[in-house]
Amino acid sequence: MSDKVKELTVDNFNDTIASGTVLVDFWAPWCGPCKMQAPILDKVADAVGDKAVIAKVNVDEAPSLAAQFGVRSIPTLILFKNGEKVQDFIGVQQEAALVAVLTA
């Protein structure tokens, strides 16, 4: 995982999403599509710079967060703005689409 993508846990999740634009990838190490999403998120992090935080939650390590946001399949990406959930993306997402949403 890139150092541009922040690893979230139950302990730092709420503080991280509290302000600004944050895209959170709910994933697991055994998930094939999640492995495909990871390098795309690295590119998205490069493209958006400091306009948004790109983060990941391992659903095996933080099942309560996955349950809190109704994550039923992975990868699921959730866009937060100032602590509020504004959009879900289910399945592997392409770089251009994510960058467009994050920089709009």
N, C-alpha and C. Protein backbone atom coordinates (compact mmCIF):
# COMPACT_ATOMS: atom_id res chain seq x y z
N MET A 1 0.85 -1.19 0.00
CA MET A 1 0.00 0.00 0.00
C MET A 1 0.88 1.24 0.00
N SER A 2 0.48 2.20 -0.74
CA SER A 2 1.22 3.45 -0.87
C SER A 2 1.14 4.26 0.41
N ASP A 3 2.14 5.09 0.64
CA ASP A 3 2.09 5.98 1.81
C ASP A 3 1.14 7.15 1.56
N LYS A 4 0.62 7.26 0.34
CA LYS A 4 -0.35 8.31 0.03
C LYS A 4 -1.76 7.90 0.44
N VAL A 5 -1.97 6.60 0.66
CA VAL A 5 -3.27 6.07 1.06
C VAL A 5 -3.21 5.74 2.54
N LYS A 6 -4.08 6.37 3.30
CA LYS A 6 -4.05 6.26 4.77
C LYS A 6 -4.81 5.02 5.23
N GLU A 7 -4.21 4.26 6.12
CA GLU A 7 -4.87 3.08 6.71
C GLU A 7 -5.71 3.54 7.88
N LEU A 8 -7.00 3.22 7.84
CA LEU A 8 -7.90 3.63 8.92
C LEU A 8 -8.27 2.45 9.81
N THR A 9 -8.48 2.76 11.08
CA THR A 9 -8.93 1.79 12.07
C THR A 9 -10.13 2.38 12.79
N VAL A 10 -10.72 1.62 13.67
CA VAL A 10 -11.83 2.11 14.49
C VAL A 10 -11.37 3.35 15.27
N ASP A 11 -10.09 3.36 15.69
CA ASP A 11 -9.58 4.44 16.52
C ASP A 11 -9.43 5.77 15.78
N ASN A 12 -9.03 5.75 14.50
CA ASN A 12 -8.77 7.01 13.81
C ASN A 12 -9.79 7.35 12.72
N PHE A 13 -10.79 6.50 12.52
CA PHE A 13 -11.75 6.69 11.42
C PHE A 13 -12.50 8.01 11.54
N ASN A 14 -13.18 8.24 12.66
CA ASN A 14 -14.02 9.44 12.80
C ASN A 14 -13.22 10.72 12.70
N ASP A 15 -12.02 10.75 13.28
CA ASP A 15 -11.18 11.95 13.18
C ASP A 15 -10.78 12.21 11.74
N THR A 16 -10.51 11.14 10.99
CA THR A 16 -10.05 11.30 9.61
C THR A 16 -11.16 11.83 8.71
N ILE A 17 -12.39 11.34 8.87
CA ILE A 17 -13.47 11.77 7.97
C ILE A 17 -14.15 13.06 8.42
N ALA A 18 -13.79 13.57 9.60
CA ALA A 18 -14.51 14.70 10.20
C ALA A 18 -14.49 15.96 9.36
N SER A 19 -13.40 16.22 8.64
CA SER A 19 -13.35 17.46 7.86
C SER A 19 -12.74 17.20 6.50
N GLY A 20 -13.20 17.98 5.54
CA GLY A 20 -12.70 17.87 4.18
C GLY A 20 -13.34 16.73 3.42
N THR A 21 -12.72 16.38 2.30
CA THR A 21 -13.19 15.33 1.42
C THR A 21 -12.33 14.09 1.63
N VAL A 22 -12.99 12.97 1.93
CA VAL A 22 -12.27 11.73 2.20
C VAL A 22 -12.95 10.59 1.44
N LEU A 23 -12.15 9.86 0.66
CA LEU A 23 -12.63 8.67 -0.04
C LEU A 23 -12.09 7.46 0.69
N VAL A 24 -13.00 6.62 1.21
CA VAL A 24 -12.60 5.46 1.99
C VAL A 24 -12.91 4.18 1.21
N ASP A 25 -11.88 3.36 1.05
CA ASP A 25 -11.99 2.06 0.38
C ASP A 25 -12.15 0.98 1.45
N PHE A 26 -13.30 0.32 1.45
CA PHE A 26 -13.52 -0.83 2.33
C PHE A 26 -13.06 -2.07 1.56
N TRP A 27 -12.07 -2.78 2.09
CA TRP A 27 -11.39 -3.84 1.36
C TRP A 27 -10.99 -4.97 2.30
N ALA A 28 -10.45 -6.05 1.73
CA ALA A 28 -9.86 -7.15 2.50
C ALA A 28 -8.69 -7.72 1.70
N PRO A 29 -7.67 -8.25 2.39
CA PRO A 29 -6.49 -8.76 1.70
C PRO A 29 -6.78 -9.95 0.77
N TRP A 30 -7.82 -10.71 1.04
CA TRP A 30 -8.15 -11.89 0.24
C TRP A 30 -9.02 -11.57 -0.96
N CYS A 31 -9.41 -10.32 -1.13
CA CYS A 31 -10.36 -9.91 -2.18
C CYS A 31 -9.62 -9.55 -3.47
N GLY A 32 -9.85 -10.33 -4.52
CA GLY A 32 -9.20 -10.08 -5.81
C GLY A 32 -9.48 -8.71 -6.39
N PRO A 33 -10.77 -8.31 -6.51
CA PRO A 33 -11.06 -6.98 -7.03
C PRO A 33 -10.44 -5.86 -6.18
N CYS A 34 -10.32 -6.10 -4.86
CA CYS A 34 -9.69 -5.09 -3.98
C CYS A 34 -8.23 -4.89 -4.37
N LYS A 35 -7.57 -5.99 -4.75
CA LYS A 35 -6.17 -5.90 -5.18
C LYS A 35 -6.05 -5.10 -6.47
N MET A 36 -7.07 -5.20 -7.33
CA MET A 36 -7.08 -4.42 -8.57
C MET A 36 -7.32 -2.93 -8.27
N GLN A 37 -8.12 -2.64 -7.22
CA GLN A 37 -8.45 -1.26 -6.88
C GLN A 37 -7.26 -0.52 -6.27
N ALA A 38 -6.40 -1.21 -5.54
CA ALA A 38 -5.32 -0.57 -4.79
C ALA A 38 -4.41 0.32 -5.64
N PRO A 39 -3.86 -0.17 -6.77
CA PRO A 39 -2.99 0.72 -7.56
C PRO A 39 -3.75 1.90 -8.19
N ILE A 40 -5.04 1.69 -8.45
CA ILE A 40 -5.86 2.79 -8.97
C ILE A 40 -5.97 3.89 -7.92
N LEU A 41 -6.16 3.49 -6.66
CA LEU A 41 -6.27 4.49 -5.58
C LEU A 41 -4.96 5.24 -5.39
N ASP A 42 -3.83 4.56 -5.59
CA ASP A 42 -2.54 5.26 -5.51
C ASP A 42 -2.47 6.37 -6.56
N LYS A 43 -2.93 6.06 -7.77
CA LYS A 43 -2.94 7.06 -8.84
C LYS A 43 -3.90 8.20 -8.53
N VAL A 44 -5.07 7.85 -7.97
CA VAL A 44 -6.05 8.88 -7.58
C VAL A 44 -5.44 9.80 -6.52
N ALA A 45 -4.75 9.22 -5.55
CA ALA A 45 -4.11 10.02 -4.49
C ALA A 45 -3.10 10.99 -5.10
N ASP A 46 -2.32 10.52 -6.08
CA ASP A 46 -1.37 11.41 -6.77
C ASP A 46 -2.10 12.53 -7.49
N ALA A 47 -3.19 12.18 -8.17
CA ALA A 47 -3.91 13.14 -9.00
C ALA A 47 -4.62 14.22 -8.18
N VAL A 48 -5.20 13.86 -7.04
CA VAL A 48 -5.97 14.85 -6.27
C VAL A 48 -5.11 15.61 -5.27
N GLY A 49 -3.93 15.09 -4.96
CA GLY A 49 -3.03 15.81 -4.05
C GLY A 49 -3.70 16.07 -2.72
N ASP A 50 -3.67 17.34 -2.29
CA ASP A 50 -4.23 17.69 -0.98
C ASP A 50 -5.70 18.10 -1.05
N LYS A 51 -6.35 17.91 -2.20
CA LYS A 51 -7.78 18.22 -2.32
C LYS A 51 -8.65 17.20 -1.60
N ALA A 52 -8.12 15.99 -1.40
CA ALA A 52 -8.88 14.92 -0.75
C ALA A 52 -7.93 13.93 -0.11
N VAL A 53 -8.44 13.25 0.91
CA VAL A 53 -7.70 12.17 1.56
C VAL A 53 -8.22 10.86 0.99
N ILE A 54 -7.30 9.97 0.62
CA ILE A 54 -7.65 8.64 0.16
C ILE A 54 -7.27 7.69 1.29
N ALA A 55 -8.23 6.86 1.71
CA ALA A 55 -8.00 6.00 2.87
C ALA A 55 -8.59 4.62 2.63
N LYS A 56 -8.17 3.66 3.47
CA LYS A 56 -8.63 2.28 3.35
C LYS A 56 -9.01 1.75 4.72
N VAL A 57 -10.05 0.91 4.74
CA VAL A 57 -10.46 0.19 5.95
C VAL A 57 -10.46 -1.30 5.62
N ASN A 58 -9.66 -2.07 6.35
CA ASN A 58 -9.66 -3.52 6.20
C ASN A 58 -10.89 -4.05 6.94
N VAL A 59 -11.84 -4.59 6.20
CA VAL A 59 -13.10 -5.02 6.82
C VAL A 59 -12.93 -6.21 7.76
N ASP A 60 -11.86 -6.98 7.58
CA ASP A 60 -11.58 -8.08 8.50
C ASP A 60 -11.12 -7.56 9.86
N GLU A 61 -10.42 -6.42 9.86
CA GLU A 61 -9.91 -5.85 11.10
C GLU A 61 -10.88 -4.86 11.74
N ALA A 62 -11.81 -4.32 10.95
CA ALA A 62 -12.77 -3.34 11.48
C ALA A 62 -14.18 -3.65 10.96
N PRO A 63 -14.70 -4.83 11.32
CA PRO A 63 -16.04 -5.20 10.82
C PRO A 63 -17.13 -4.25 11.30
N SER A 64 -16.92 -3.61 12.44
CA SER A 64 -17.94 -2.69 12.95
C SER A 64 -18.10 -1.47 12.03
N LEU A 65 -17.00 -1.01 11.44
CA LEU A 65 -17.08 0.13 10.50
C LEU A 65 -17.82 -0.29 9.23
N ALA A 66 -17.51 -1.48 8.74
CA ALA A 66 -18.21 -1.97 7.55
C ALA A 66 -19.70 -2.08 7.82
N ALA A 67 -20.06 -2.60 8.99
CA ALA A 67 -21.48 -2.74 9.34
C ALA A 67 -22.14 -1.37 9.51
N GLN A 68 -21.43 -0.43 10.11
CA GLN A 68 -21.98 0.91 10.35
C GLN A 68 -22.40 1.58 9.05
N PHE A 69 -21.65 1.33 7.98
CA PHE A 69 -21.94 1.99 6.70
C PHE A 69 -22.60 1.05 5.69
N GLY A 70 -23.06 -0.11 6.16
CA GLY A 70 -23.82 -1.00 5.30
C GLY A 70 -23.03 -1.61 4.17
N VAL A 71 -21.74 -1.82 4.38
CA VAL A 71 -20.90 -2.41 3.33
C VAL A 71 -21.21 -3.91 3.26
N ARG A 72 -21.74 -4.34 2.11
CA ARG A 72 -22.11 -5.74 1.94
C ARG A 72 -21.21 -6.46 0.94
N SER A 73 -20.57 -5.71 0.06
CA SER A 73 -19.64 -6.32 -0.88
C SER A 73 -18.41 -5.41 -0.96
N ILE A 74 -17.28 -6.02 -1.29
CA ILE A 74 -16.05 -5.24 -1.39
C ILE A 74 -15.42 -5.49 -2.75
N PRO A 75 -14.71 -4.52 -3.29
CA PRO A 75 -14.49 -3.21 -2.68
C PRO A 75 -15.73 -2.31 -2.74
N THR A 76 -15.94 -1.59 -1.68
CA THR A 76 -16.92 -0.50 -1.64
C THR A 76 -16.14 0.75 -1.26
N LEU A 77 -16.29 1.79 -2.06
CA LEU A 77 -15.67 3.07 -1.74
C LEU A 77 -16.78 4.02 -1.32
N ILE A 78 -16.55 4.74 -0.23
CA ILE A 78 -17.53 5.70 0.25
C ILE A 78 -16.88 7.07 0.32
N LEU A 79 -17.56 8.04 -0.26
CA LEU A 79 -17.09 9.42 -0.26
C LEU A 79 -17.73 10.16 0.90
N PHE A 80 -16.90 10.77 1.73
CA PHE A 80 -17.36 11.58 2.85
C PHE A 80 -16.94 13.03 2.63
N LYS A 81 -17.84 13.95 2.98
CA LYS A 81 -17.50 15.37 2.98
C LYS A 81 -17.87 15.92 4.35
N ASN A 82 -16.85 16.41 5.05
CA ASN A 82 -17.03 16.97 6.40
C ASN A 82 -17.81 16.02 7.32
N GLY A 83 -17.44 14.73 7.27
CA GLY A 83 -18.02 13.74 8.16
C GLY A 83 -19.32 13.12 7.69
N GLU A 84 -19.90 13.64 6.59
CA GLU A 84 -21.17 13.12 6.08
C GLU A 84 -20.92 12.22 4.87
N LYS A 85 -21.57 11.05 4.86
CA LYS A 85 -21.49 10.15 3.71
C LYS A 85 -22.28 10.78 2.57
N VAL A 86 -21.64 10.94 1.41
CA VAL A 86 -22.34 11.57 0.28
C VAL A 86 -22.50 10.65 -0.93
N GLN A 87 -21.67 9.62 -1.05
CA GLN A 87 -21.80 8.76 -2.23
C GLN A 87 -21.10 7.43 -1.99
N ASP A 88 -21.70 6.35 -2.53
CA ASP A 88 -21.11 5.01 -2.50
C ASP A 88 -20.68 4.62 -3.91
N PHE A 89 -19.61 3.85 -3.98
CA PHE A 89 -19.17 3.24 -5.23
C PHE A 89 -18.95 1.76 -4.94
N ILE A 90 -19.69 0.89 -5.62
CA ILE A 90 -19.58 -0.55 -5.38
C ILE A 90 -18.76 -1.16 -6.52
N GLY A 91 -17.78 -1.99 -6.16
CA GLY A 91 -16.94 -2.63 -7.17
C GLY A 91 -15.76 -1.77 -7.55
N VAL A 92 -14.93 -2.31 -8.44
CA VAL A 92 -13.72 -1.61 -8.87
C VAL A 92 -14.10 -0.35 -9.64
N GLN A 93 -13.48 0.76 -9.26
CA GLN A 93 -13.75 2.06 -9.89
C GLN A 93 -12.52 2.52 -10.66
N GLN A 94 -12.75 3.19 -11.76
CA GLN A 94 -11.65 3.67 -12.58
C GLN A 94 -11.12 5.02 -12.07
N GLU A 95 -9.85 5.25 -12.32
CA GLU A 95 -9.17 6.44 -11.84
C GLU A 95 -9.88 7.73 -12.29
N ALA A 96 -10.19 7.84 -13.56
CA ALA A 96 -10.77 9.08 -14.09
C ALA A 96 -12.08 9.43 -13.40
N ALA A 97 -12.92 8.43 -13.17
CA ALA A 97 -14.21 8.68 -12.53
C ALA A 97 -14.03 9.17 -11.10
N LEU A 98 -13.11 8.55 -10.36
CA LEU A 98 -12.89 8.96 -8.97
C LEU A 98 -12.26 10.34 -8.89
N VAL A 99 -11.29 10.62 -9.76
CA VAL A 99 -10.67 11.94 -9.76
C VAL A 99 -11.71 13.01 -10.08
N ALA A 100 -12.59 12.72 -11.03
CA ALA A 100 -13.62 13.69 -11.41
C ALA A 100 -14.52 14.02 -10.23
N VAL A 101 -14.93 13.01 -9.47
CA VAL A 101 -15.81 13.22 -8.31
C VAL A 101 -15.07 14.00 -7.21
N LEU A 102 -13.81 13.67 -6.99
CA LEU A 102 -13.04 14.27 -5.90
C LEU A 102 -12.61 15.70 -6.19
N THR A 103 -12.53 16.08 -7.44
CA THR A 103 -12.06 17.42 -7.78
C THR A 103 -13.18 18.32 -8.26
N ALA A 104 -14.42 17.81 -8.25
CA ALA A 104 -15.57 18.59 -8.72
C ALA A 104 -15.87 19.73 -7.77
